[in-house]
Amino acid sequence: MAEPKSPRISPADLATACMEIAADRKAGNVIKIDVGELSLIAECFVLCTAGSEPHLKALEGHLGRELLKRYNVRPRTVDGSPASQWIVMDFSGVVVHLLTEETRELYQLENLWQNAPSLAELENLAERMPESAVRRKK
């Protein structure tokens, strides 16, 4: 007999669950950035700071297990490693970035995404550009 399917969880609710799970495992500076208007790859980014490489690995494992247990959700992909000090977990709509403090300070993803123009702003800009400024592939 087949197991009953878990209800589909929205990206916003999944991001909140990721934040709670990471905070329960002592991740620091856990934040959510809504990037739906800025990105085609996700609705939300969740950023978490780990205190060490073993902490990164523990966060990754705990997130994966808890989301599977609670919502029957697995990451589409996981990239990076504790040695790289940055692990990215793609949950189709929610991308979780687990970083050491040094790596988070270096890349400053919060600043990068908060200051990015929205897709609507980019489309508006493209519409206002003179035809001569647009290069065409031949």
C-alpha atoms as a PDB file:
ATOM      1  CA  MET A   1       0.000   0.000   0.000  1.00  0.00           C
ATOM      2  CA  ALA A   2       1.375   3.426  -0.959  1.00  0.00           C
ATOM      3  CA  GLU A   3       2.258   6.000   1.699  1.00  0.00           C
ATOM      4  CA  PRO A   4      -0.014   9.047   1.798  1.00  0.00           C
ATOM      5  CA  LYS A   5       1.494  12.064   0.099  1.00  0.00           C
ATOM      6  CA  SER A   6       2.528  15.022   2.209  1.00  0.00           C
ATOM      7  CA  PRO A   7       0.730  18.263   1.416  1.00  0.00           C
ATOM      8  CA  ARG A   8       2.631  20.570  -0.920  1.00  0.00           C
ATOM      9  CA  ILE A   9       4.440  23.302   1.001  1.00  0.00           C
ATOM     10  CA  SER A  10       4.792  26.806  -0.408  1.00  0.00           C
ATOM     11  CA  PRO A  11       8.287  28.282  -0.925  1.00  0.00           C
ATOM     12  CA  ALA A  12       7.605  30.888   1.793  1.00  0.00           C
ATOM     13  CA  ASP A  13       6.583  28.217   4.308  1.00  0.00           C
ATOM     14  CA  LEU A  14       9.500  26.000   3.308  1.00  0.00           C
ATOM     15  CA  ALA A  15      11.903  28.914   3.817  1.00  0.00           C
ATOM     16  CA  THR A  16      10.428  29.532   7.272  1.00  0.00           C
ATOM     17  CA  ALA A  17      10.822  25.848   8.132  1.00  0.00           C
ATOM     18  CA  CYS A  18      14.451  25.937   6.944  1.00  0.00           C
ATOM     19  CA  MET A  19      15.095  28.971   9.142  1.00  0.00           C
ATOM     20  CA  GLU A  20      13.581  27.272  12.201  1.00  0.00           C
ATOM     21  CA  ILE A  21      15.452  24.017  11.634  1.00  0.00           C
ATOM     22  CA  ALA A  22      18.774  25.821  11.151  1.00  0.00           C
ATOM     23  CA  ALA A  23      18.213  27.979  14.244  1.00  0.00           C
ATOM     24  CA  ASP A  24      17.428  24.844  16.270  1.00  0.00           C
ATOM     25  CA  ARG A  25      20.892  23.571  15.310  1.00  0.00           C
ATOM     26  CA  LYS A  26      22.540  26.794  16.478  1.00  0.00           C
ATOM     27  CA  ALA A  27      23.050  28.410  13.073  1.00  0.00           C
ATOM     28  CA  GLY A  28      23.795  32.096  13.482  1.00  0.00           C
ATOM     29  CA  ASN A  29      22.374  35.141  11.706  1.00  0.00           C
ATOM     30  CA  VAL A  30      19.630  33.161   9.959  1.00  0.00           C
ATOM     31  CA  ILE A  31      17.801  35.334   7.446  1.00  0.00           C
ATOM     32  CA  LYS A  32      15.426  34.968   4.517  1.00  0.00           C
ATOM     33  CA  ILE A  33      15.718  37.079   1.387  1.00  0.00           C
ATOM     34  CA  ASP A  34      12.729  37.161  -0.965  1.00  0.00           C
ATOM     35  CA  VAL A  35      14.283  36.994  -4.430  1.00  0.00           C
ATOM     36  CA  GLY A  36      11.231  36.054  -6.499  1.00  0.00           C
ATOM     37  CA  GLU A  37      11.257  39.452  -8.233  1.00  0.00           C
ATOM     38  CA  LEU A  38      15.026  39.262  -8.750  1.00  0.00           C
ATOM     39  CA  SER A  39      15.712  35.668  -9.707  1.00  0.00           C
ATOM     40  CA  LEU A  40      14.403  32.960 -11.974  1.00  0.00           C
ATOM     41  CA  ILE A  41      15.904  30.191  -9.850  1.00  0.00           C
ATOM     42  CA  ALA A  42      14.188  30.727  -6.493  1.00  0.00           C
ATOM     43  CA  GLU A  43      11.502  32.550  -4.568  1.00  0.00           C
ATOM     44  CA  CYS A  44      13.562  32.743  -1.376  1.00  0.00           C
ATOM     45  CA  PHE A  45      17.138  32.438  -0.229  1.00  0.00           C
ATOM     46  CA  VAL A  46      17.866  31.397   3.340  1.00  0.00           C
ATOM     47  CA  LEU A  47      21.316  32.334   4.653  1.00  0.00           C
ATOM     48  CA  CYS A  48      22.790  30.721   7.751  1.00  0.00           C
ATOM     49  CA  THR A  49      26.152  31.075   9.442  1.00  0.00           C
ATOM     50  CA  ALA A  50      27.892  27.999  10.823  1.00  0.00           C
ATOM     51  CA  GLY A  51      30.590  28.194  13.468  1.00  0.00           C
ATOM     52  CA  SER A  52      32.916  25.637  11.862  1.00  0.00           C
ATOM     53  CA  GLU A  53      33.275  23.111   9.048  1.00  0.00           C
ATOM     54  CA  PRO A  54      31.785  20.286  11.177  1.00  0.00           C
ATOM     55  CA  HIS A  55      28.887  22.593  12.022  1.00  0.00           C
ATOM     56  CA  LEU A  56      28.286  23.146   8.272  1.00  0.00           C
ATOM     57  CA  LYS A  57      28.079  19.395   7.724  1.00  0.00           C
ATOM     58  CA  ALA A  58      25.766  18.954  10.712  1.00  0.00           C
ATOM     59  CA  LEU A  59      23.441  21.722   9.475  1.00  0.00           C
ATOM     60  CA  GLU A  60      23.296  20.199   6.000  1.00  0.00           C
ATOM     61  CA  GLY A  61      22.454  16.751   7.334  1.00  0.00           C
ATOM     62  CA  HIS A  62      19.891  17.981   9.829  1.00  0.00           C
ATOM     63  CA  LEU A  63      18.111  20.189   7.259  1.00  0.00           C
ATOM     64  CA  GLY A  64      17.938  17.329   4.786  1.00  0.00           C
ATOM     65  CA  ARG A  65      16.601  14.828   7.332  1.00  0.00           C
ATOM     66  CA  GLU A  66      14.070  17.174   8.940  1.00  0.00           C
ATOM     67  CA  LEU A  67      12.597  18.443   5.665  1.00  0.00           C
ATOM     68  CA  LEU A  68      12.270  14.886   4.392  1.00  0.00           C
ATOM     69  CA  LYS A  69      10.613  13.750   7.628  1.00  0.00           C
ATOM     70  CA  ARG A  70       8.270  16.739   8.000  1.00  0.00           C
ATOM     71  CA  TYR A  71       7.353  17.552   4.401  1.00  0.00           C
ATOM     72  CA  ASN A  72       8.729  14.713   2.259  1.00  0.00           C
ATOM     73  CA  VAL A  73      10.978  17.294   0.564  1.00  0.00           C
ATOM     74  CA  ARG A  74      14.489  16.495  -0.651  1.00  0.00           C
ATOM     75  CA  PRO A  75      17.007  18.933  -2.071  1.00  0.00           C
ATOM     76  CA  ARG A  76      17.173  18.881  -5.869  1.00  0.00           C
ATOM     77  CA  THR A  77      20.890  19.464  -5.599  1.00  0.00           C
ATOM     78  CA  VAL A  78      23.498  20.074  -2.927  1.00  0.00           C
ATOM     79  CA  ASP A  79      26.734  21.783  -3.865  1.00  0.00           C
ATOM     80  CA  GLY A  80      29.823  22.718  -1.925  1.00  0.00           C
ATOM     81  CA  SER A  81      31.395  21.060   1.059  1.00  0.00           C
ATOM     82  CA  PRO A  82      32.504  21.863   4.579  1.00  0.00           C
ATOM     83  CA  ALA A  83      36.059  22.297   3.241  1.00  0.00           C
ATOM     84  CA  SER A  84      34.822  24.999   0.820  1.00  0.00           C
ATOM     85  CA  GLN A  85      33.097  26.722   3.777  1.00  0.00           C
ATOM     86  CA  TRP A  86      29.905  27.111   1.737  1.00  0.00           C
ATOM     87  CA  ILE A  87      27.153  24.565   1.098  1.00  0.00           C
ATOM     88  CA  VAL A  88      24.160  25.357  -1.122  1.00  0.00           C
ATOM     89  CA  MET A  89      20.989  23.280  -0.902  1.00  0.00           C
ATOM     90  CA  ASP A  90      18.429  23.813  -3.696  1.00  0.00           C
ATOM     91  CA  PHE A  91      14.898  22.889  -2.656  1.00  0.00           C
ATOM     92  CA  SER A  92      13.198  24.076  -5.872  1.00  0.00           C
ATOM     93  CA  GLY A  93      11.971  27.509  -4.922  1.00  0.00           C
ATOM     94  CA  VAL A  94      14.101  27.859  -1.817  1.00  0.00           C
ATOM     95  CA  VAL A  95      17.886  27.932  -1.922  1.00  0.00           C
ATOM     96  CA  VAL A  96      19.637  27.541   1.422  1.00  0.00           C
ATOM     97  CA  HIS A  97      23.164  28.914   1.779  1.00  0.00           C
ATOM     98  CA  LEU A  98      25.157  27.522   4.696  1.00  0.00           C
ATOM     99  CA  LEU A  99      28.360  29.528   5.137  1.00  0.00           C
ATOM    100  CA  THR A 100      31.097  29.984   7.677  1.00  0.00           C
ATOM    101  CA  GLU A 101      31.346  33.467   9.140  1.00  0.00           C
ATOM    102  CA  GLU A 102      34.458  34.282   7.095  1.00  0.00           C
ATOM    103  CA  THR A 103      32.875  33.171   3.818  1.00  0.00           C
ATOM    104  CA  ARG A 104      29.647  35.038   4.545  1.00  0.00           C
ATOM    105  CA  GLU A 105      31.583  38.234   5.247  1.00  0.00           C
ATOM    106  CA  LEU A 106      33.636  37.774   2.081  1.00  0.00           C
ATOM    107  CA  TYR A 107      30.710  37.314  -0.333  1.00  0.00           C
ATOM    108  CA  GLN A 108      28.084  39.452   1.443  1.00  0.00           C
ATOM    109  CA  LEU A 109      25.143  37.807  -0.320  1.00  0.00           C
ATOM    110  CA  GLU A 110      22.656  39.905   1.643  1.00  0.00           C
ATOM    111  CA  ASN A 111      24.021  43.097   0.093  1.00  0.00           C
ATOM    112  CA  LEU A 112      24.295  41.581  -3.366  1.00  0.00           C
ATOM    113  CA  TRP A 113      20.632  40.523  -3.510  1.00  0.00           C
ATOM    114  CA  GLN A 114      19.095  43.423  -1.593  1.00  0.00           C
ATOM    115  CA  ASN A 115      20.564  45.927  -4.055  1.00  0.00           C
ATOM    116  CA  ALA A 116      19.841  43.981  -7.236  1.00  0.00           C
ATOM    117  CA  PRO A 117      17.290  45.451  -9.675  1.00  0.00           C
ATOM    118  CA  SER A 118      14.033  43.531 -10.053  1.00  0.00           C
ATOM    119  CA  LEU A 119      13.176  41.730 -13.287  1.00  0.00           C
ATOM    120  CA  ALA A 120      10.488  44.349 -13.933  1.00  0.00           C
ATOM    121  CA  GLU A 121      13.089  47.125 -13.599  1.00  0.00           C
ATOM    122  CA  LEU A 122      15.407  45.331 -16.030  1.00  0.00           C
ATOM    123  CA  GLU A 123      12.581  44.797 -18.537  1.00  0.00           C
ATOM    124  CA  ASN A 124      11.610  48.466 -18.240  1.00  0.00           C
ATOM    125  CA  LEU A 125      15.217  49.484 -18.853  1.00  0.00           C
ATOM    126  CA  ALA A 126      15.450  47.200 -21.903  1.00  0.00           C
ATOM    127  CA  GLU A 127      12.265  48.717 -23.353  1.00  0.00           C
ATOM    128  CA  ARG A 128      13.677  52.233 -22.977  1.00  0.00           C
ATOM    129  CA  MET A 129      17.023  51.430 -24.614  1.00  0.00           C
ATOM    130  CA  PRO A 130      17.482  52.760 -28.147  1.00  0.00           C
ATOM    131  CA  GLU A 131      17.547  50.069 -30.829  1.00  0.00           C
ATOM    132  CA  SER A 132      21.149  50.969 -31.657  1.00  0.00           C
ATOM    133  CA  ALA A 133      22.242  50.026 -28.130  1.00  0.00           C
ATOM    134  CA  VAL A 134      20.875  46.497 -28.430  1.00  0.00           C
ATOM    135  CA  ARG A 135      23.275  44.011 -29.990  1.00  0.00           C
ATOM    136  CA  ARG A 136      21.788  41.283 -32.102  1.00  0.00           C
ATOM    137  CA  LYS A 137      23.272  37.864 -32.703  1.00  0.00           C
ATOM    138  CA  LYS A 138      23.518  36.866 -36.330  1.00  0.00           C
END
